[in-house]
N, C-alpha and C. Protein backbone atom coordinates (compact mmCIF):
# COMPACT_ATOMS: atom_id res chain seq x y z
N MET A 1 -56.69 -53.01 -10.87
CA MET A 1 -56.44 -54.43 -11.02
C MET A 1 -56.27 -55.03 -9.63
N SER A 2 -57.02 -56.05 -9.33
CA SER A 2 -56.92 -56.66 -8.01
C SER A 2 -55.79 -57.67 -7.97
N LYS A 3 -55.19 -57.77 -6.82
CA LYS A 3 -54.06 -58.69 -6.66
C LYS A 3 -54.58 -60.07 -6.22
N PRO A 4 -53.93 -61.14 -6.70
CA PRO A 4 -54.33 -62.47 -6.26
C PRO A 4 -53.85 -62.72 -4.84
N PRO A 5 -54.39 -63.72 -4.16
CA PRO A 5 -53.93 -64.00 -2.81
C PRO A 5 -52.46 -64.39 -2.79
N VAL A 6 -51.77 -63.93 -1.78
CA VAL A 6 -50.33 -64.20 -1.63
C VAL A 6 -50.15 -65.25 -0.53
N ALA A 7 -49.12 -66.05 -0.67
CA ALA A 7 -48.82 -67.06 0.36
C ALA A 7 -48.63 -66.35 1.69
N SER A 8 -49.31 -66.83 2.72
CA SER A 8 -49.31 -66.12 4.00
C SER A 8 -48.07 -66.39 4.84
N ASP A 9 -47.44 -67.52 4.63
CA ASP A 9 -46.26 -67.81 5.43
C ASP A 9 -45.21 -68.54 4.61
N THR A 10 -44.01 -68.57 5.13
CA THR A 10 -42.89 -69.19 4.43
C THR A 10 -43.07 -70.69 4.31
N SER A 11 -43.78 -71.32 5.24
CA SER A 11 -43.94 -72.76 5.19
C SER A 11 -44.72 -73.20 3.96
N ASP A 12 -45.65 -72.35 3.49
CA ASP A 12 -46.39 -72.67 2.27
C ASP A 12 -45.42 -72.73 1.08
N MET A 13 -44.55 -71.73 0.98
CA MET A 13 -43.59 -71.72 -0.12
C MET A 13 -42.60 -72.87 0.04
N ALA A 14 -42.23 -73.20 1.26
CA ALA A 14 -41.32 -74.33 1.50
C ALA A 14 -41.98 -75.63 1.04
N ARG A 15 -43.28 -75.77 1.26
CA ARG A 15 -43.99 -76.97 0.78
C ARG A 15 -44.01 -77.02 -0.74
N ARG A 16 -44.18 -75.87 -1.37
CA ARG A 16 -44.17 -75.83 -2.84
C ARG A 16 -42.79 -76.24 -3.37
N PHE A 17 -41.74 -75.74 -2.75
CA PHE A 17 -40.39 -76.10 -3.18
C PHE A 17 -40.15 -77.59 -2.98
N ALA A 18 -40.57 -78.11 -1.83
CA ALA A 18 -40.37 -79.54 -1.54
C ALA A 18 -41.14 -80.41 -2.53
N ALA A 19 -42.35 -79.99 -2.89
CA ALA A 19 -43.15 -80.75 -3.85
C ALA A 19 -42.47 -80.78 -5.22
N ALA A 20 -41.74 -79.72 -5.55
CA ALA A 20 -41.02 -79.67 -6.83
C ALA A 20 -39.65 -80.33 -6.74
N GLY A 21 -39.25 -80.77 -5.54
CA GLY A 21 -37.96 -81.41 -5.37
C GLY A 21 -36.80 -80.43 -5.27
N ILE A 22 -37.09 -79.18 -4.91
CA ILE A 22 -36.06 -78.14 -4.80
C ILE A 22 -35.73 -77.96 -3.33
N VAL A 23 -34.45 -78.09 -3.00
CA VAL A 23 -34.00 -77.92 -1.62
C VAL A 23 -32.91 -76.86 -1.60
N PRO A 24 -33.26 -75.61 -1.22
CA PRO A 24 -32.23 -74.57 -1.16
C PRO A 24 -31.31 -74.80 0.04
N PRO A 25 -30.07 -74.32 -0.04
CA PRO A 25 -29.16 -74.43 1.10
C PRO A 25 -29.76 -73.74 2.33
N ALA A 26 -29.50 -74.28 3.50
CA ALA A 26 -30.11 -73.78 4.74
C ALA A 26 -29.84 -72.29 4.96
N GLU A 27 -28.63 -71.83 4.65
CA GLU A 27 -28.30 -70.42 4.89
C GLU A 27 -28.99 -69.48 3.90
N ARG A 28 -29.53 -70.01 2.81
CA ARG A 28 -30.21 -69.18 1.81
C ARG A 28 -31.71 -69.45 1.74
N ALA A 29 -32.21 -70.36 2.53
CA ALA A 29 -33.61 -70.77 2.43
C ALA A 29 -34.57 -69.61 2.70
N ALA A 30 -34.34 -68.84 3.74
CA ALA A 30 -35.27 -67.76 4.07
C ALA A 30 -35.35 -66.73 2.95
N GLY A 31 -34.21 -66.34 2.41
CA GLY A 31 -34.19 -65.39 1.29
C GLY A 31 -34.81 -65.96 0.03
N THR A 32 -34.57 -67.24 -0.21
CA THR A 32 -35.13 -67.90 -1.39
C THR A 32 -36.65 -67.92 -1.32
N PHE A 33 -37.19 -68.29 -0.16
CA PHE A 33 -38.64 -68.35 -0.01
C PHE A 33 -39.25 -66.95 -0.08
N ALA A 34 -38.57 -65.96 0.48
CA ALA A 34 -39.08 -64.58 0.44
C ALA A 34 -39.12 -64.07 -1.00
N ASN A 35 -38.07 -64.34 -1.78
CA ASN A 35 -38.05 -63.92 -3.18
C ASN A 35 -39.10 -64.66 -3.99
N ALA A 36 -39.31 -65.92 -3.71
CA ALA A 36 -40.34 -66.69 -4.41
C ALA A 36 -41.73 -66.13 -4.11
N GLU A 37 -41.97 -65.72 -2.87
CA GLU A 37 -43.25 -65.12 -2.52
C GLU A 37 -43.45 -63.79 -3.23
N ARG A 38 -42.37 -62.99 -3.34
CA ARG A 38 -42.47 -61.72 -4.07
C ARG A 38 -42.78 -61.96 -5.54
N LEU A 39 -42.14 -62.95 -6.14
CA LEU A 39 -42.40 -63.27 -7.54
C LEU A 39 -43.84 -63.76 -7.70
N GLN A 40 -44.29 -64.59 -6.79
CA GLN A 40 -45.65 -65.10 -6.83
C GLN A 40 -46.67 -63.96 -6.77
N SER A 41 -46.37 -62.94 -5.97
CA SER A 41 -47.31 -61.82 -5.85
C SER A 41 -47.28 -60.92 -7.09
N ALA A 42 -46.24 -61.00 -7.92
CA ALA A 42 -46.15 -60.18 -9.13
C ALA A 42 -46.64 -60.90 -10.38
N LEU A 43 -47.02 -62.15 -10.27
CA LEU A 43 -47.42 -62.92 -11.45
C LEU A 43 -48.64 -62.34 -12.15
N HIS A 44 -49.51 -61.65 -11.43
CA HIS A 44 -50.69 -61.09 -12.09
C HIS A 44 -50.30 -60.01 -13.09
N TRP A 45 -49.13 -59.39 -12.93
CA TRP A 45 -48.67 -58.43 -13.92
C TRP A 45 -47.98 -59.13 -15.10
N LEU A 46 -47.38 -60.28 -14.85
CA LEU A 46 -46.65 -60.99 -15.89
C LEU A 46 -47.57 -61.83 -16.77
N ARG A 47 -48.60 -62.41 -16.20
CA ARG A 47 -49.53 -63.27 -16.94
C ARG A 47 -50.81 -62.50 -17.25
N GLN A 48 -50.85 -61.94 -18.42
CA GLN A 48 -52.04 -61.20 -18.83
C GLN A 48 -52.96 -62.14 -19.61
N PRO A 49 -54.26 -61.96 -19.48
CA PRO A 49 -55.18 -62.78 -20.26
C PRO A 49 -54.98 -62.52 -21.76
N ARG A 50 -54.95 -63.57 -22.54
CA ARG A 50 -54.82 -63.40 -23.98
C ARG A 50 -55.59 -64.50 -24.69
N SER A 51 -55.91 -64.24 -25.93
CA SER A 51 -56.69 -65.19 -26.71
C SER A 51 -55.81 -66.34 -27.17
N VAL A 52 -56.45 -67.39 -27.64
CA VAL A 52 -55.70 -68.55 -28.15
C VAL A 52 -54.85 -68.14 -29.35
N ALA A 53 -55.37 -67.26 -30.18
CA ALA A 53 -54.62 -66.81 -31.36
C ALA A 53 -53.36 -66.04 -30.99
N ALA A 54 -53.35 -65.43 -29.81
CA ALA A 54 -52.18 -64.65 -29.38
C ALA A 54 -51.11 -65.52 -28.72
N GLU A 55 -51.40 -66.77 -28.46
CA GLU A 55 -50.42 -67.66 -27.84
C GLU A 55 -49.27 -67.95 -28.80
N PRO A 56 -48.05 -67.97 -28.31
CA PRO A 56 -46.90 -68.20 -29.19
C PRO A 56 -46.61 -69.68 -29.43
N SER A 57 -47.63 -70.51 -29.51
CA SER A 57 -47.41 -71.95 -29.63
C SER A 57 -46.78 -72.34 -30.95
N ASN A 58 -47.01 -71.59 -32.00
CA ASN A 58 -46.46 -71.94 -33.32
C ASN A 58 -45.25 -71.10 -33.68
N THR A 59 -44.62 -70.49 -32.70
CA THR A 59 -43.45 -69.66 -32.97
C THR A 59 -42.27 -70.50 -33.41
N PHE A 60 -42.07 -71.63 -32.74
CA PHE A 60 -40.94 -72.50 -33.05
C PHE A 60 -41.44 -73.77 -33.72
N SER A 61 -40.68 -74.23 -34.68
CA SER A 61 -41.07 -75.44 -35.39
C SER A 61 -39.85 -76.34 -35.51
N LEU A 62 -40.06 -77.62 -35.32
CA LEU A 62 -38.97 -78.58 -35.46
C LEU A 62 -38.75 -78.97 -36.92
N ALA A 63 -39.69 -78.63 -37.78
CA ALA A 63 -39.57 -78.94 -39.20
C ALA A 63 -38.53 -78.02 -39.83
N THR A 64 -37.70 -78.57 -40.67
CA THR A 64 -36.70 -77.77 -41.36
C THR A 64 -37.25 -77.26 -42.67
N ARG A 65 -36.82 -76.09 -43.07
CA ARG A 65 -37.27 -75.51 -44.32
C ARG A 65 -36.08 -75.39 -45.26
N GLU A 66 -36.39 -75.41 -46.52
CA GLU A 66 -35.35 -75.20 -47.53
C GLU A 66 -34.94 -73.74 -47.51
N PRO A 67 -33.63 -73.45 -47.58
CA PRO A 67 -33.20 -72.06 -47.63
C PRO A 67 -33.67 -71.41 -48.93
N VAL A 68 -33.99 -70.16 -48.84
CA VAL A 68 -34.50 -69.43 -50.02
C VAL A 68 -33.37 -68.91 -50.86
């Protein structure tokens, strides 16, 4: 399985955080960005291709049912 491209530098992840409106504390920023890059590089294992029928879109329903 080939790995997707990983963010090459911390500034890319910092831009992603800024675009989402997330501002980590200065003393934790480097660790936060490093962990986010590690998670980004592992997403290919977490997101497997699946068919539309396998999607859990109908798992939850807001409609109430009568108790049996």
